[in-house]
Amino acid sequence: MELSERQNQIVEIVKAREPVKSVEIAEQLGVNRATIRPDLKVLTMMGILEAKRKVGYNYTGRSLLHVMGSYIKTISVMDIQSEPTTVEEDTTIYDGIITMFTKDAGTLYVVKDKYLSGIVSRKDFIKSMIGRKDVETLPIPIIMTRMPNIVYLEEHESVYDAAVKTMEYEVESLPIVKKEMDEKNNLRLILLGKVSRTNITRYVVNLGKDDDTNE
């Protein structure tokens, strides 16, 4: 997502001469006001410029990166989530490996009924293969990450929250869950979806494509 050359020029003019009216900006660029009206609207909507009636435009001090960061904080993880690859608790390590590669998944989510009980990564599978010959019979829960060590997202969290958690915990993907307490007051996690680094990257790339289309 980038500003056009003319939008960058407008920002620099406003920085240097604020407050400045649209007619003055147009004169500086050698165009008419109608030509720059869409650019001013975009810059104002993005929060980079502030328009004051009968006064002109001021620069808010917000960069494009700041604007993008603020924007993705408003987008729910549910808007970019994808279907998680799941296996049951009685799945063997061997069958889990087969599932991971046939589904081209970076992470497997182990479930019991609708509840998330564990997570298995590629690294977990690699470690399980070292020095073992019984992976065809050992159940996958032996190597999975369990609560309270599962890092997860909830429905209300944003794309920004997901990006921060994937970086902070160095994980490929995160489950999106709904929390529920059972009759013994134990926390249970209902698996709703997942967000991976690929989901996040694709979303940011698509923002850039949309911006290119609108220029």
N, C-alpha and C. Protein backbone atom coordinates (compact mmCIF):
# COMPACT_ATOMS: atom_id res chain seq x y z
N MET A 1 0.86 -1.18 0.00
CA MET A 1 0.00 0.00 0.00
C MET A 1 0.89 1.23 0.00
N GLU A 2 0.85 2.03 -1.06
CA GLU A 2 1.69 3.21 -1.18
C GLU A 2 0.87 4.40 -1.65
N LEU A 3 1.33 5.59 -1.28
CA LEU A 3 0.73 6.80 -1.81
C LEU A 3 1.22 7.02 -3.22
N SER A 4 0.39 7.63 -4.05
CA SER A 4 0.81 7.96 -5.41
C SER A 4 1.81 9.11 -5.36
N GLU A 5 2.48 9.34 -6.47
CA GLU A 5 3.46 10.43 -6.54
C GLU A 5 2.79 11.77 -6.22
N ARG A 6 1.60 12.00 -6.80
CA ARG A 6 0.91 13.27 -6.56
C ARG A 6 0.46 13.40 -5.10
N GLN A 7 0.03 12.31 -4.50
CA GLN A 7 -0.37 12.36 -3.10
C GLN A 7 0.82 12.70 -2.20
N ASN A 8 1.98 12.14 -2.51
CA ASN A 8 3.19 12.49 -1.76
C ASN A 8 3.55 13.97 -1.93
N GLN A 9 3.37 14.48 -3.14
CA GLN A 9 3.64 15.90 -3.40
C GLN A 9 2.69 16.79 -2.59
N ILE A 10 1.44 16.39 -2.53
CA ILE A 10 0.45 17.16 -1.77
C ILE A 10 0.84 17.20 -0.29
N VAL A 11 1.23 16.05 0.24
CA VAL A 11 1.63 15.99 1.65
C VAL A 11 2.79 16.93 1.92
N GLU A 12 3.78 16.94 1.01
CA GLU A 12 4.95 17.81 1.21
C GLU A 12 4.57 19.29 1.14
N ILE A 13 3.64 19.63 0.26
CA ILE A 13 3.18 21.02 0.15
C ILE A 13 2.48 21.45 1.43
N VAL A 14 1.63 20.58 1.95
CA VAL A 14 0.90 20.90 3.18
C VAL A 14 1.87 21.02 4.35
N LYS A 15 2.84 20.11 4.43
CA LYS A 15 3.83 20.20 5.50
C LYS A 15 4.53 21.56 5.51
N ALA A 16 4.89 22.02 4.30
CA ALA A 16 5.67 23.26 4.17
C ALA A 16 4.85 24.52 4.37
N ARG A 17 3.53 24.48 4.06
CA ARG A 17 2.76 25.72 4.02
C ARG A 17 1.49 25.70 4.88
N GLU A 18 1.33 24.69 5.72
CA GLU A 18 0.07 24.57 6.47
C GLU A 18 -0.21 25.78 7.36
N PRO A 19 -1.50 26.15 7.50
CA PRO A 19 -2.65 25.58 6.77
C PRO A 19 -2.67 26.11 5.34
N VAL A 20 -3.04 25.25 4.41
CA VAL A 20 -3.04 25.63 3.01
C VAL A 20 -4.34 25.16 2.35
N LYS A 21 -4.93 26.01 1.52
CA LYS A 21 -6.19 25.67 0.87
C LYS A 21 -5.95 24.87 -0.40
N SER A 22 -7.00 24.19 -0.82
CA SER A 22 -6.89 23.32 -1.98
C SER A 22 -6.50 24.09 -3.24
N VAL A 23 -6.99 25.32 -3.38
CA VAL A 23 -6.66 26.11 -4.56
C VAL A 23 -5.16 26.41 -4.62
N GLU A 24 -4.55 26.62 -3.45
CA GLU A 24 -3.12 26.89 -3.40
C GLU A 24 -2.31 25.63 -3.73
N ILE A 25 -2.81 24.48 -3.25
CA ILE A 25 -2.13 23.21 -3.55
C ILE A 25 -2.19 22.94 -5.05
N ALA A 26 -3.36 23.18 -5.63
CA ALA A 26 -3.53 22.97 -7.08
C ALA A 26 -2.59 23.86 -7.88
N GLU A 27 -2.45 25.12 -7.46
CA GLU A 27 -1.56 26.05 -8.15
C GLU A 27 -0.11 25.57 -8.08
N GLN A 28 0.29 25.07 -6.93
CA GLN A 28 1.65 24.56 -6.75
C GLN A 28 1.92 23.38 -7.68
N LEU A 29 0.91 22.58 -7.91
CA LEU A 29 1.07 21.38 -8.75
C LEU A 29 0.80 21.67 -10.23
N GLY A 30 0.26 22.83 -10.53
CA GLY A 30 -0.05 23.17 -11.91
C GLY A 30 -1.25 22.44 -12.47
N VAL A 31 -2.22 22.15 -11.58
CA VAL A 31 -3.45 21.46 -12.01
C VAL A 31 -4.64 22.22 -11.43
N ASN A 32 -5.85 21.80 -11.80
CA ASN A 32 -7.03 22.44 -11.22
C ASN A 32 -7.48 21.67 -9.97
N ARG A 33 -8.36 22.32 -9.20
CA ARG A 33 -8.79 21.73 -7.93
C ARG A 33 -9.52 20.40 -8.12
N ALA A 34 -10.26 20.27 -9.22
CA ALA A 34 -11.00 19.03 -9.47
C ALA A 34 -10.05 17.84 -9.60
N THR A 35 -8.85 18.10 -10.13
CA THR A 35 -7.88 17.03 -10.34
C THR A 35 -7.38 16.45 -9.03
N ILE A 36 -7.16 17.33 -8.05
CA ILE A 36 -6.59 16.85 -6.78
C ILE A 36 -7.65 16.53 -5.72
N ARG A 37 -8.92 16.79 -6.04
CA ARG A 37 -9.98 16.55 -5.05
C ARG A 37 -10.00 15.10 -4.57
N PRO A 38 -9.89 14.08 -5.48
CA PRO A 38 -9.87 12.69 -5.00
C PRO A 38 -8.66 12.40 -4.11
N ASP A 39 -7.51 12.99 -4.45
CA ASP A 39 -6.30 12.76 -3.65
C ASP A 39 -6.47 13.34 -2.24
N LEU A 40 -7.02 14.54 -2.16
CA LEU A 40 -7.25 15.17 -0.86
C LEU A 40 -8.24 14.36 -0.02
N LYS A 41 -9.25 13.82 -0.70
CA LYS A 41 -10.24 13.01 0.01
C LYS A 41 -9.59 11.76 0.59
N VAL A 42 -8.75 11.09 -0.21
CA VAL A 42 -8.06 9.88 0.26
C VAL A 42 -7.14 10.20 1.43
N LEU A 43 -6.35 11.25 1.31
CA LEU A 43 -5.41 11.62 2.36
C LEU A 43 -6.11 12.02 3.65
N THR A 44 -7.28 12.65 3.50
CA THR A 44 -8.05 13.04 4.68
C THR A 44 -8.69 11.83 5.34
N MET A 45 -9.25 10.94 4.53
CA MET A 45 -9.87 9.72 5.06
C MET A 45 -8.85 8.84 5.76
N MET A 46 -7.63 8.82 5.26
CA MET A 46 -6.57 8.00 5.86
C MET A 46 -6.03 8.63 7.13
N GLY A 47 -6.35 9.90 7.37
CA GLY A 47 -5.89 10.56 8.57
C GLY A 47 -4.53 11.20 8.45
N ILE A 48 -3.98 11.26 7.23
CA ILE A 48 -2.68 11.88 7.03
C ILE A 48 -2.82 13.40 6.99
N LEU A 49 -3.92 13.87 6.39
CA LEU A 49 -4.23 15.30 6.38
C LEU A 49 -5.52 15.55 7.16
N GLU A 50 -5.64 16.77 7.67
CA GLU A 50 -6.86 17.19 8.35
C GLU A 50 -7.39 18.43 7.65
N ALA A 51 -8.68 18.40 7.29
CA ALA A 51 -9.29 19.52 6.59
C ALA A 51 -10.09 20.37 7.56
N LYS A 52 -9.82 21.67 7.55
CA LYS A 52 -10.58 22.61 8.37
C LYS A 52 -11.28 23.61 7.47
N ARG A 53 -12.58 23.70 7.62
CA ARG A 53 -13.39 24.55 6.75
C ARG A 53 -12.93 26.01 6.85
N LYS A 54 -12.78 26.65 5.70
CA LYS A 54 -12.37 28.05 5.54
C LYS A 54 -10.94 28.33 6.02
N VAL A 55 -10.25 27.28 6.43
CA VAL A 55 -8.86 27.45 6.88
C VAL A 55 -7.90 26.76 5.93
N GLY A 56 -8.21 25.48 5.63
CA GLY A 56 -7.35 24.72 4.72
C GLY A 56 -6.94 23.38 5.30
N TYR A 57 -5.87 22.85 4.77
CA TYR A 57 -5.39 21.52 5.17
C TYR A 57 -4.16 21.62 6.06
N ASN A 58 -4.14 20.73 7.05
CA ASN A 58 -2.98 20.60 7.94
C ASN A 58 -2.48 19.16 7.90
N TYR A 59 -1.19 19.01 8.15
CA TYR A 59 -0.58 17.68 8.23
C TYR A 59 -0.72 17.17 9.66
N THR A 60 -1.23 15.94 9.82
CA THR A 60 -1.48 15.40 11.16
C THR A 60 -0.24 14.80 11.80
N GLY A 61 0.79 14.56 11.00
CA GLY A 61 2.00 13.94 11.53
C GLY A 61 1.97 12.43 11.48
N ARG A 62 0.89 11.89 10.95
CA ARG A 62 0.77 10.43 10.87
C ARG A 62 1.34 9.93 9.56
N SER A 63 2.23 8.94 9.63
CA SER A 63 2.81 8.35 8.42
C SER A 63 1.88 7.29 7.87
N LEU A 64 2.19 6.82 6.66
CA LEU A 64 1.38 5.76 6.06
C LEU A 64 1.46 4.48 6.88
N LEU A 65 2.65 4.19 7.42
CA LEU A 65 2.79 2.99 8.25
C LEU A 65 1.94 3.10 9.50
N HIS A 66 1.89 4.31 10.08
CA HIS A 66 1.06 4.54 11.26
C HIS A 66 -0.41 4.31 10.90
N VAL A 67 -0.81 4.83 9.76
CA VAL A 67 -2.20 4.68 9.31
C VAL A 67 -2.56 3.22 9.11
N MET A 68 -1.66 2.47 8.44
CA MET A 68 -1.91 1.05 8.19
C MET A 68 -1.99 0.28 9.50
N GLY A 69 -1.09 0.63 10.43
CA GLY A 69 -1.11 -0.05 11.72
C GLY A 69 -2.40 0.18 12.46
N SER A 70 -2.88 1.41 12.41
CA SER A 70 -4.15 1.73 13.07
C SER A 70 -5.31 1.02 12.39
N TYR A 71 -5.24 0.93 11.06
CA TYR A 71 -6.33 0.32 10.30
C TYR A 71 -6.46 -1.18 10.60
N ILE A 72 -5.33 -1.90 10.60
CA ILE A 72 -5.43 -3.35 10.81
C ILE A 72 -5.82 -3.69 12.25
N LYS A 73 -5.74 -2.70 13.14
CA LYS A 73 -6.23 -2.93 14.50
C LYS A 73 -7.75 -2.97 14.55
N THR A 74 -8.40 -2.51 13.47
CA THR A 74 -9.86 -2.51 13.43
C THR A 74 -10.42 -3.73 12.71
N ILE A 75 -9.55 -4.54 12.08
CA ILE A 75 -10.00 -5.70 11.32
C ILE A 75 -9.94 -6.95 12.19
N SER A 76 -11.06 -7.64 12.31
CA SER A 76 -11.16 -8.83 13.15
C SER A 76 -10.41 -10.01 12.53
N VAL A 77 -9.85 -10.85 13.39
CA VAL A 77 -9.20 -12.06 12.90
C VAL A 77 -10.20 -12.97 12.17
N MET A 78 -11.48 -12.83 12.51
CA MET A 78 -12.49 -13.66 11.85
C MET A 78 -12.65 -13.29 10.38
N ASP A 79 -12.21 -12.09 10.01
CA ASP A 79 -12.31 -11.65 8.62
C ASP A 79 -11.23 -12.25 7.73
N ILE A 80 -10.16 -12.77 8.33
CA ILE A 80 -9.08 -13.34 7.51
C ILE A 80 -8.80 -14.80 7.85
N GLN A 81 -9.58 -15.37 8.77
CA GLN A 81 -9.31 -16.73 9.23
C GLN A 81 -9.53 -17.77 8.14
N SER A 82 -8.92 -18.92 8.32
CA SER A 82 -9.10 -20.04 7.40
C SER A 82 -9.39 -21.31 8.18
N GLU A 83 -9.69 -22.37 7.46
CA GLU A 83 -10.08 -23.64 8.09
C GLU A 83 -8.84 -24.33 8.66
N PRO A 84 -8.85 -24.68 9.94
CA PRO A 84 -7.71 -25.39 10.52
C PRO A 84 -7.70 -26.85 10.13
N THR A 85 -6.52 -27.44 10.06
CA THR A 85 -6.39 -28.87 9.80
C THR A 85 -6.42 -29.58 11.15
N THR A 86 -7.41 -30.42 11.35
CA THR A 86 -7.61 -31.05 12.66
C THR A 86 -7.44 -32.57 12.60
N VAL A 87 -7.07 -33.13 13.76
CA VAL A 87 -7.02 -34.59 13.94
C VAL A 87 -7.60 -34.89 15.31
N GLU A 88 -8.08 -36.12 15.49
CA GLU A 88 -8.63 -36.53 16.77
C GLU A 88 -7.51 -36.97 17.72
N GLU A 89 -7.82 -37.02 18.99
CA GLU A 89 -6.82 -37.37 20.00
C GLU A 89 -6.26 -38.78 19.83
N ASP A 90 -7.04 -39.69 19.23
CA ASP A 90 -6.55 -41.06 19.08
C ASP A 90 -5.72 -41.27 17.81
N THR A 91 -5.44 -40.17 17.10
CA THR A 91 -4.59 -40.25 15.91
C THR A 91 -3.16 -40.58 16.33
N THR A 92 -2.49 -41.44 15.56
CA THR A 92 -1.10 -41.76 15.86
C THR A 92 -0.17 -40.67 15.32
N ILE A 93 1.04 -40.64 15.83
CA ILE A 93 2.03 -39.68 15.33
C ILE A 93 2.25 -39.88 13.84
N TYR A 94 2.34 -41.12 13.43
CA TYR A 94 2.57 -41.43 12.00
C TYR A 94 1.43 -40.89 11.14
N ASP A 95 0.20 -41.14 11.54
CA ASP A 95 -0.94 -40.65 10.77
C ASP A 95 -1.01 -39.12 10.78
N GLY A 96 -0.56 -38.53 11.90
CA GLY A 96 -0.50 -37.07 11.96
C GLY A 96 0.47 -36.50 10.95
N ILE A 97 1.62 -37.16 10.81
CA ILE A 97 2.62 -36.73 9.82
C ILE A 97 2.04 -36.82 8.41
N ILE A 98 1.37 -37.92 8.14
CA ILE A 98 0.75 -38.10 6.81
C ILE A 98 -0.29 -37.01 6.56
N THR A 99 -1.11 -36.71 7.56
CA THR A 99 -2.13 -35.67 7.42
C THR A 99 -1.50 -34.32 7.16
N MET A 100 -0.46 -34.01 7.89
CA MET A 100 0.21 -32.71 7.75
C MET A 100 0.73 -32.51 6.32
N PHE A 101 1.34 -33.54 5.76
CA PHE A 101 1.92 -33.38 4.43
C PHE A 101 0.89 -33.50 3.31
N THR A 102 -0.12 -34.33 3.49
CA THR A 102 -1.15 -34.42 2.45
C THR A 102 -2.02 -33.17 2.41
N LYS A 103 -2.20 -32.54 3.57
CA LYS A 103 -3.00 -31.32 3.65
C LYS A 103 -2.14 -30.07 3.46
N ASP A 104 -0.82 -30.27 3.36
CA ASP A 104 0.12 -29.15 3.23
C ASP A 104 -0.09 -28.14 4.35
N ALA A 105 -0.16 -28.66 5.58
CA ALA A 105 -0.41 -27.82 6.75
C ALA A 105 0.88 -27.62 7.54
N GLY A 106 1.04 -26.46 8.11
CA GLY A 106 2.20 -26.19 8.96
C GLY A 106 1.96 -26.57 10.40
N THR A 107 0.67 -26.68 10.76
CA THR A 107 0.29 -26.98 12.14
C THR A 107 -0.95 -27.86 12.15
N LEU A 108 -0.99 -28.83 13.06
CA LEU A 108 -2.19 -29.64 13.25
C LEU A 108 -2.83 -29.26 14.59
N TYR A 109 -4.16 -29.20 14.57
CA TYR A 109 -4.91 -28.90 15.79
C TYR A 109 -5.61 -30.18 16.24
N VAL A 110 -5.29 -30.59 17.46
CA VAL A 110 -5.85 -31.82 18.00
C VAL A 110 -7.14 -31.48 18.75
N VAL A 111 -8.20 -32.18 18.39
CA VAL A 111 -9.51 -31.87 18.98
C VAL A 111 -10.15 -33.10 19.59
N LYS A 112 -11.01 -32.84 20.55
CA LYS A 112 -11.88 -33.86 21.11
C LYS A 112 -13.27 -33.27 21.08
N ASP A 113 -14.12 -33.87 20.27
CA ASP A 113 -15.42 -33.27 19.96
C ASP A 113 -15.15 -31.92 19.30
N LYS A 114 -15.71 -30.84 19.82
CA LYS A 114 -15.49 -29.51 19.23
C LYS A 114 -14.42 -28.72 19.97
N TYR A 115 -13.81 -29.35 20.97
CA TYR A 115 -12.87 -28.64 21.83
C TYR A 115 -11.41 -28.87 21.41
N LEU A 116 -10.63 -27.82 21.50
CA LEU A 116 -9.20 -27.89 21.18
C LEU A 116 -8.46 -28.45 22.39
N SER A 117 -7.70 -29.53 22.17
CA SER A 117 -6.95 -30.12 23.29
C SER A 117 -5.45 -29.96 23.13
N GLY A 118 -5.00 -29.70 21.90
CA GLY A 118 -3.56 -29.53 21.71
C GLY A 118 -3.19 -29.07 20.32
N ILE A 119 -1.91 -28.71 20.16
CA ILE A 119 -1.37 -28.23 18.89
C ILE A 119 -0.06 -28.96 18.61
N VAL A 120 0.13 -29.36 17.35
CA VAL A 120 1.37 -30.03 16.96
C VAL A 120 1.96 -29.31 15.75
N SER A 121 3.24 -28.95 15.85
CA SER A 121 3.93 -28.27 14.76
C SER A 121 4.84 -29.24 14.01
N ARG A 122 5.41 -28.77 12.91
CA ARG A 122 6.36 -29.59 12.16
C ARG A 122 7.56 -29.95 13.04
N LYS A 123 8.01 -28.99 13.85
CA LYS A 123 9.14 -29.24 14.75
C LYS A 123 8.84 -30.36 15.73
N ASP A 124 7.60 -30.39 16.22
CA ASP A 124 7.20 -31.45 17.16
C ASP A 124 7.31 -32.82 16.49
N PHE A 125 6.89 -32.90 15.24
CA PHE A 125 6.97 -34.17 14.52
C PHE A 125 8.41 -34.59 14.27
N ILE A 126 9.24 -33.63 13.92
CA ILE A 126 10.66 -33.93 13.66
C ILE A 126 11.32 -34.47 14.93
N LYS A 127 11.06 -33.81 16.06
CA LYS A 127 11.62 -34.26 17.33
C LYS A 127 11.15 -35.66 17.69
N SER A 128 9.87 -35.95 17.38
CA SER A 128 9.31 -37.25 17.74
C SER A 128 9.92 -38.39 16.94
N MET A 129 10.48 -38.07 15.77
CA MET A 129 11.06 -39.10 14.91
C MET A 129 12.47 -39.49 15.33
N ILE A 130 13.13 -38.62 16.09
CA ILE A 130 14.52 -38.87 16.46
C ILE A 130 14.59 -39.99 17.52
N GLY A 131 15.25 -41.08 17.16
CA GLY A 131 15.47 -42.19 18.10
C GLY A 131 14.25 -43.03 18.40
N ARG A 132 13.15 -42.85 17.65
CA ARG A 132 11.94 -43.63 17.90
C ARG A 132 11.55 -44.45 16.68
N LYS A 133 11.08 -45.65 16.95
CA LYS A 133 10.63 -46.52 15.87
C LYS A 133 9.15 -46.88 15.99
N ASP A 134 8.51 -46.33 17.02
CA ASP A 134 7.13 -46.73 17.31
C ASP A 134 6.12 -45.62 17.01
N VAL A 135 6.46 -44.72 16.10
CA VAL A 135 5.56 -43.60 15.81
C VAL A 135 4.26 -44.06 15.17
N GLU A 136 4.24 -45.28 14.66
CA GLU A 136 3.01 -45.78 14.02
C GLU A 136 1.97 -46.18 15.06
N THR A 137 2.38 -46.30 16.30
CA THR A 137 1.43 -46.71 17.35
C THR A 137 1.26 -45.67 18.45
N LEU A 138 2.22 -44.78 18.60
CA LEU A 138 2.13 -43.78 19.67
C LEU A 138 1.07 -42.73 19.32
N PRO A 139 0.20 -42.38 20.30
CA PRO A 139 -0.84 -41.37 20.04
C PRO A 139 -0.24 -39.96 20.00
N ILE A 140 -0.84 -39.12 19.20
CA ILE A 140 -0.32 -37.76 18.99
C ILE A 140 -0.32 -36.90 20.26
N PRO A 141 -1.21 -37.13 21.24
CA PRO A 141 -1.16 -36.30 22.45
C PRO A 141 0.18 -36.34 23.18
N ILE A 142 0.99 -37.37 22.94
CA ILE A 142 2.28 -37.49 23.60
C ILE A 142 3.20 -36.32 23.24
N ILE A 143 3.07 -35.81 22.03
CA ILE A 143 3.99 -34.76 21.57
C ILE A 143 3.33 -33.39 21.42
N MET A 144 2.04 -33.29 21.67
CA MET A 144 1.36 -32.01 21.40
C MET A 144 1.55 -31.01 22.54
N THR A 145 1.39 -29.74 22.22
CA THR A 145 1.39 -28.67 23.22
C THR A 145 -0.01 -28.58 23.81
N ARG A 146 -0.08 -28.56 25.13
CA ARG A 146 -1.37 -28.52 25.82
C ARG A 146 -1.55 -27.19 26.54
N MET A 147 -2.76 -26.96 27.04
CA MET A 147 -3.01 -25.84 27.94
C MET A 147 -2.23 -26.08 29.23
N PRO A 148 -1.67 -25.06 29.86
CA PRO A 148 -1.88 -23.63 29.56
C PRO A 148 -0.86 -23.05 28.58
N ASN A 149 -0.17 -23.90 27.84
CA ASN A 149 0.89 -23.42 26.95
C ASN A 149 0.43 -23.13 25.53
N ILE A 150 -0.87 -23.28 25.26
CA ILE A 150 -1.40 -22.97 23.93
C ILE A 150 -1.61 -21.46 23.80
N VAL A 151 -1.01 -20.89 22.78
CA VAL A 151 -1.22 -19.47 22.47
C VAL A 151 -2.39 -19.39 21.50
N TYR A 152 -3.38 -18.57 21.81
CA TYR A 152 -4.57 -18.55 20.96
C TYR A 152 -5.09 -17.13 20.78
N LEU A 153 -6.04 -17.00 19.86
CA LEU A 153 -6.73 -15.74 19.59
C LEU A 153 -8.21 -15.93 19.92
N GLU A 154 -8.86 -14.84 20.31
CA GLU A 154 -10.30 -14.86 20.50
C GLU A 154 -10.97 -14.03 19.40
N GLU A 155 -12.26 -14.21 19.26
CA GLU A 155 -13.01 -13.59 18.15
C GLU A 155 -12.84 -12.08 18.08
N HIS A 156 -12.73 -11.43 19.24
CA HIS A 156 -12.68 -9.97 19.27
C HIS A 156 -11.31 -9.41 18.91
N GLU A 157 -10.29 -10.25 18.80
CA GLU A 157 -8.95 -9.76 18.55
C GLU A 157 -8.76 -9.39 17.08
N SER A 158 -7.76 -8.56 16.83
CA SER A 158 -7.56 -8.00 15.49
C SER A 158 -6.42 -8.65 14.74
N VAL A 159 -6.31 -8.29 13.46
CA VAL A 159 -5.21 -8.77 12.63
C VAL A 159 -3.88 -8.32 13.24
N TYR A 160 -3.86 -7.11 13.79
CA TYR A 160 -2.65 -6.61 14.44
C TYR A 160 -2.27 -7.50 15.63
N ASP A 161 -3.25 -7.88 16.44
CA ASP A 161 -2.99 -8.76 17.58
C ASP A 161 -2.40 -10.09 17.11
N ALA A 162 -2.95 -10.61 16.01
CA ALA A 162 -2.47 -11.88 15.47
C ALA A 162 -1.03 -11.76 15.01
N ALA A 163 -0.71 -10.65 14.32
CA ALA A 163 0.66 -10.44 13.83
C ALA A 163 1.64 -10.36 15.00
N VAL A 164 1.26 -9.64 16.04
CA VAL A 164 2.13 -9.50 17.22
C VAL A 164 2.37 -10.85 17.88
N LYS A 165 1.33 -11.65 18.03
CA LYS A 165 1.48 -12.95 18.70
C LYS A 165 2.31 -13.94 17.89
N THR A 166 2.13 -13.95 16.57
CA THR A 166 2.93 -14.87 15.75
C THR A 166 4.40 -14.52 15.82
N MET A 167 4.71 -13.22 15.92
CA MET A 167 6.10 -12.79 16.03
C MET A 167 6.65 -13.05 17.43
N GLU A 168 5.87 -12.69 18.44
CA GLU A 168 6.33 -12.81 19.83
C GLU A 168 6.59 -14.26 20.22
N TYR A 169 5.69 -15.16 19.79
CA TYR A 169 5.82 -16.56 20.18
C TYR A 169 6.46 -17.42 19.09
N GLU A 170 6.79 -16.80 17.96
CA GLU A 170 7.46 -17.49 16.85
C GLU A 170 6.72 -18.75 16.44
N VAL A 171 5.43 -18.58 16.15
CA VAL A 171 4.59 -19.70 15.71
C VAL A 171 4.11 -19.46 14.29
N GLU A 172 3.82 -20.55 13.60
CA GLU A 172 3.36 -20.47 12.22
C GLU A 172 1.91 -20.03 12.13
N SER A 173 1.09 -20.50 13.07
CA SER A 173 -0.33 -20.14 13.06
C SER A 173 -0.90 -20.18 14.46
N LEU A 174 -2.06 -19.57 14.61
CA LEU A 174 -2.73 -19.49 15.91
C LEU A 174 -4.19 -19.92 15.77
N PRO A 175 -4.69 -20.68 16.73
CA PRO A 175 -6.11 -21.03 16.69
C PRO A 175 -6.97 -19.86 17.15
N ILE A 176 -8.14 -19.74 16.55
CA ILE A 176 -9.14 -18.78 17.04
C ILE A 176 -10.15 -19.59 17.85
N VAL A 177 -10.37 -19.18 19.08
CA VAL A 177 -11.20 -19.99 19.97
C VAL A 177 -12.26 -19.16 20.68
N LYS A 178 -13.24 -19.88 21.16
CA LYS A 178 -14.23 -19.30 22.06
C LYS A 178 -14.08 -20.02 23.38
N LYS A 179 -13.91 -19.26 24.46
CA LYS A 179 -13.66 -19.87 25.77
C LYS A 179 -14.98 -20.28 26.44
N GLU A 180 -14.89 -21.40 27.14
CA GLU A 180 -16.06 -21.93 27.84
C GLU A 180 -15.59 -22.61 29.12
N MET A 181 -16.34 -22.48 30.18
CA MET A 181 -16.01 -23.15 31.44
C MET A 181 -16.92 -24.36 31.63
N ASP A 182 -16.34 -25.50 32.01
CA ASP A 182 -17.18 -26.69 32.23
C ASP A 182 -17.74 -26.69 33.64
N GLU A 183 -18.42 -27.78 34.01
CA GLU A 183 -19.08 -27.84 35.31
C GLU A 183 -18.10 -27.84 36.48
N LYS A 184 -16.85 -28.19 36.20
CA LYS A 184 -15.81 -28.18 37.24
C LYS A 184 -14.99 -26.90 37.20
N ASN A 185 -15.48 -25.94 36.43
CA ASN A 185 -14.81 -24.64 36.30
C ASN A 185 -13.46 -24.74 35.61
N ASN A 186 -13.31 -25.72 34.72
CA ASN A 186 -12.10 -25.86 33.91
C ASN A 186 -12.30 -25.15 32.57
N LEU A 187 -11.28 -24.47 32.12
CA LEU A 187 -11.37 -23.75 30.85
C LEU A 187 -11.31 -24.72 29.68
N ARG A 188 -12.26 -24.56 28.76
CA ARG A 188 -12.24 -25.35 27.51
C ARG A 188 -12.28 -24.38 26.33
N LEU A 189 -11.65 -24.78 25.25
CA LEU A 189 -11.53 -23.92 24.08
C LEU A 189 -12.27 -24.53 22.89
N ILE A 190 -13.28 -23.82 22.40
CA ILE A 190 -14.00 -24.26 21.21
C ILE A 190 -13.25 -23.72 19.99
N LEU A 191 -12.80 -24.61 19.12
CA LEU A 191 -12.02 -24.20 17.95
C LEU A 191 -12.92 -23.63 16.86
N LEU A 192 -12.65 -22.38 16.48
CA LEU A 192 -13.47 -21.69 15.47
C LEU A 192 -12.75 -21.55 14.13
N GLY A 193 -11.44 -21.46 14.15
CA GLY A 193 -10.68 -21.24 12.93
C GLY A 193 -9.22 -21.06 13.27
N LYS A 194 -8.46 -20.58 12.31
CA LYS A 194 -7.04 -20.31 12.55
C LYS A 194 -6.61 -19.09 11.75
N VAL A 195 -5.54 -18.46 12.21
CA VAL A 195 -4.89 -17.40 11.45
C VAL A 195 -3.40 -17.75 11.37
N SER A 196 -2.88 -17.80 10.15
CA SER A 196 -1.47 -18.13 9.96
C SER A 196 -0.72 -16.90 9.48
N ARG A 197 0.60 -17.01 9.45
CA ARG A 197 1.41 -15.93 8.89
C ARG A 197 1.02 -15.67 7.44
N THR A 198 0.67 -16.74 6.73
CA THR A 198 0.25 -16.59 5.33
C THR A 198 -1.04 -15.78 5.23
N ASN A 199 -2.00 -16.03 6.13
CA ASN A 199 -3.25 -15.26 6.15
C ASN A 199 -2.96 -13.77 6.31
N ILE A 200 -2.06 -13.46 7.25
CA ILE A 200 -1.73 -12.07 7.55
C ILE A 200 -1.03 -11.42 6.37
N THR A 201 -0.04 -12.12 5.80
CA THR A 201 0.70 -11.59 4.65
C THR A 201 -0.22 -11.36 3.46
N ARG A 202 -1.11 -12.33 3.20
CA ARG A 202 -2.03 -12.21 2.07
C ARG A 202 -2.94 -11.00 2.24
N TYR A 203 -3.39 -10.76 3.47
CA TYR A 203 -4.26 -9.62 3.74
C TYR A 203 -3.55 -8.31 3.45
N VAL A 204 -2.30 -8.18 3.92
CA VAL A 204 -1.53 -6.96 3.69
C VAL A 204 -1.27 -6.76 2.20
N VAL A 205 -0.92 -7.83 1.49
CA VAL A 205 -0.68 -7.75 0.04
C VAL A 205 -1.93 -7.30 -0.69
N ASN A 206 -3.08 -7.84 -0.30
CA ASN A 206 -4.34 -7.46 -0.93
C ASN A 206 -4.70 -6.00 -0.68
N LEU A 207 -4.29 -5.47 0.48
CA LEU A 207 -4.48 -4.04 0.75
C LEU A 207 -3.74 -3.22 -0.30
N GLY A 208 -2.51 -3.65 -0.60
CA GLY A 208 -1.73 -2.96 -1.61
C GLY A 208 -2.34 -3.05 -2.99
N LYS A 209 -2.88 -4.22 -3.33
CA LYS A 209 -3.52 -4.40 -4.64
C LYS A 209 -4.74 -3.50 -4.77
N ASP A 210 -5.53 -3.45 -3.69
CA ASP A 210 -6.73 -2.60 -3.72
C ASP A 210 -6.35 -1.14 -3.93
N ASP A 211 -5.24 -0.74 -3.28
CA ASP A 211 -4.81 0.65 -3.38
C ASP A 211 -4.36 0.95 -4.81
N ASP A 212 -3.63 0.00 -5.43
CA ASP A 212 -3.17 0.20 -6.80
C ASP A 212 -4.35 0.35 -7.76
N THR A 213 -5.40 -0.44 -7.50
CA THR A 213 -6.57 -0.42 -8.37
C THR A 213 -7.29 0.92 -8.29
N ASN A 214 -7.30 1.51 -7.08
CA ASN A 214 -8.05 2.73 -6.88
C ASN A 214 -7.33 4.00 -7.32
N GLU A 215 -6.02 3.88 -7.65
CA GLU A 215 -5.29 5.08 -8.03
C GLU A 215 -5.69 5.56 -9.42
